[in-house]
Amino acid sequence: MKGDEIETLAAQVPGWQVVNEHHLSRNYQFSDFRETLVFVNRIGALAEEQGHHPDICFGWEKRKFRSGPTRSMA
């Protein structure tokens, strides 16, 4: 997908950014580390169920999720 087709689909996922016409990225804000960890674990369980494994980076004051093309788990 390129250009207008991506923009049309991107409108369906507010808050996410399309990066280099390749993947989606979004930053989240939580009140504390524990709340962040619970969210990351929920995302991890859902990703495992669906066979899609996004890049997740989190720590103190840092929570970023990146979802790109699904890679095979060979």
C-alpha atoms as a PDB file:
ATOM      1  CA  MET A   1       0.000   0.000   0.000  1.00  0.00           C
ATOM      2  CA  LYS A   2       1.095   3.517  -0.700  1.00  0.00           C
ATOM      3  CA  GLY A   3      -0.078   7.122  -0.450  1.00  0.00           C
ATOM      4  CA  ASP A   4      -3.825   7.703  -0.460  1.00  0.00           C
ATOM      5  CA  GLU A   5      -4.647   4.076   0.324  1.00  0.00           C
ATOM      6  CA  ILE A   6      -2.568   4.255   3.513  1.00  0.00           C
ATOM      7  CA  GLU A   7      -4.053   7.607   4.502  1.00  0.00           C
ATOM      8  CA  THR A   8      -7.584   6.221   4.121  1.00  0.00           C
ATOM      9  CA  LEU A   9      -6.789   3.283   6.410  1.00  0.00           C
ATOM     10  CA  ALA A  10      -4.800   5.441   8.861  1.00  0.00           C
ATOM     11  CA  ALA A  11      -7.930   7.513   9.475  1.00  0.00           C
ATOM     12  CA  GLN A  12      -9.468   4.362  11.001  1.00  0.00           C
ATOM     13  CA  VAL A  13      -6.820   4.186  13.757  1.00  0.00           C
ATOM     14  CA  PRO A  14      -6.654   7.608  15.415  1.00  0.00           C
ATOM     15  CA  GLY A  15      -3.573   8.244  17.525  1.00  0.00           C
ATOM     16  CA  TRP A  16      -1.326   6.001  15.434  1.00  0.00           C
ATOM     17  CA  GLN A  17       1.294   7.331  13.015  1.00  0.00           C
ATOM     18  CA  VAL A  18       2.240   5.698   9.738  1.00  0.00           C
ATOM     19  CA  VAL A  19       6.048   5.615   9.522  1.00  0.00           C
ATOM     20  CA  ASN A  20       7.739   5.470   6.116  1.00  0.00           C
ATOM     21  CA  GLU A  21       4.662   3.842   4.573  1.00  0.00           C
ATOM     22  CA  HIS A  22       5.826   0.694   6.383  1.00  0.00           C
ATOM     23  CA  HIS A  23       4.576   0.395   9.953  1.00  0.00           C
ATOM     24  CA  LEU A  24       2.429   2.002  12.629  1.00  0.00           C
ATOM     25  CA  SER A  25       3.747   3.659  15.765  1.00  0.00           C
ATOM     26  CA  ARG A  26       2.066   5.072  18.859  1.00  0.00           C
ATOM     27  CA  ASN A  27       3.139   6.422  22.226  1.00  0.00           C
ATOM     28  CA  TYR A  28       0.932   5.867  25.283  1.00  0.00           C
ATOM     29  CA  GLN A  29       0.810   7.666  28.632  1.00  0.00           C
ATOM     30  CA  PHE A  30       0.131   5.868  31.920  1.00  0.00           C
ATOM     31  CA  SER A  31       0.105   7.083  35.491  1.00  0.00           C
ATOM     32  CA  ASP A  32       2.844   4.750  36.723  1.00  0.00           C
ATOM     33  CA  PHE A  33       5.140   1.857  35.833  1.00  0.00           C
ATOM     34  CA  ARG A  34       2.778  -0.820  37.180  1.00  0.00           C
ATOM     35  CA  GLU A  35      -0.083   0.370  34.952  1.00  0.00           C
ATOM     36  CA  THR A  36       2.308   0.343  31.993  1.00  0.00           C
ATOM     37  CA  LEU A  37       3.439  -3.206  32.762  1.00  0.00           C
ATOM     38  CA  VAL A  38      -0.147  -4.479  32.988  1.00  0.00           C
ATOM     39  CA  PHE A  39      -0.909  -2.916  29.596  1.00  0.00           C
ATOM     40  CA  VAL A  40       2.249  -4.348  28.004  1.00  0.00           C
ATOM     41  CA  ASN A  41       1.412  -7.821  29.320  1.00  0.00           C
ATOM     42  CA  ARG A  42      -2.130  -7.571  27.900  1.00  0.00           C
ATOM     43  CA  ILE A  43      -0.745  -6.497  24.503  1.00  0.00           C
ATOM     44  CA  GLY A  44       1.801  -9.333  24.635  1.00  0.00           C
ATOM     45  CA  ALA A  45      -0.875 -11.960  25.324  1.00  0.00           C
ATOM     46  CA  LEU A  46      -3.092 -10.649  22.515  1.00  0.00           C
ATOM     47  CA  ALA A  47      -0.154 -10.495  20.097  1.00  0.00           C
ATOM     48  CA  GLU A  48       0.788 -14.085  20.911  1.00  0.00           C
ATOM     49  CA  GLU A  49      -2.792 -15.259  20.292  1.00  0.00           C
ATOM     50  CA  GLN A  50      -2.807 -13.555  16.889  1.00  0.00           C
ATOM     51  CA  GLY A  51       0.724 -14.575  15.867  1.00  0.00           C
ATOM     52  CA  HIS A  52       1.760 -10.947  15.442  1.00  0.00           C
ATOM     53  CA  HIS A  53       4.643  -9.656  17.518  1.00  0.00           C
ATOM     54  CA  PRO A  54       4.995  -5.857  17.664  1.00  0.00           C
ATOM     55  CA  ASP A  55       8.087  -4.077  18.913  1.00  0.00           C
ATOM     56  CA  ILE A  56       7.321  -2.837  22.436  1.00  0.00           C
ATOM     57  CA  CYS A  57       9.655  -0.485  24.268  1.00  0.00           C
ATOM     58  CA  PHE A  58       8.792   0.631  27.773  1.00  0.00           C
ATOM     59  CA  GLY A  59      10.405   1.827  30.965  1.00  0.00           C
ATOM     60  CA  TRP A  60      10.267   4.805  33.245  1.00  0.00           C
ATOM     61  CA  GLU A  61       8.533   7.593  31.287  1.00  0.00           C
ATOM     62  CA  LYS A  62       8.813   5.607  28.038  1.00  0.00           C
ATOM     63  CA  ARG A  63       6.067   3.577  26.346  1.00  0.00           C
ATOM     64  CA  LYS A  64       6.186   3.073  22.604  1.00  0.00           C
ATOM     65  CA  PHE A  65       4.548   0.437  20.419  1.00  0.00           C
ATOM     66  CA  ARG A  66       5.442  -0.309  16.838  1.00  0.00           C
ATOM     67  CA  SER A  67       3.479  -2.671  14.671  1.00  0.00           C
ATOM     68  CA  GLY A  68       4.782  -3.618  11.259  1.00  0.00           C
ATOM     69  CA  PRO A  69       4.397  -6.411   8.780  1.00  0.00           C
ATOM     70  CA  THR A  70       4.013  -9.808  10.442  1.00  0.00           C
ATOM     71  CA  ARG A  71       7.185 -11.864  10.465  1.00  0.00           C
ATOM     72  CA  SER A  72       7.170 -15.625  10.298  1.00  0.00           C
ATOM     73  CA  MET A  73       8.171 -17.410  13.493  1.00  0.00           C
ATOM     74  CA  ALA A  74      10.201 -20.134  11.730  1.00  0.00           C
END
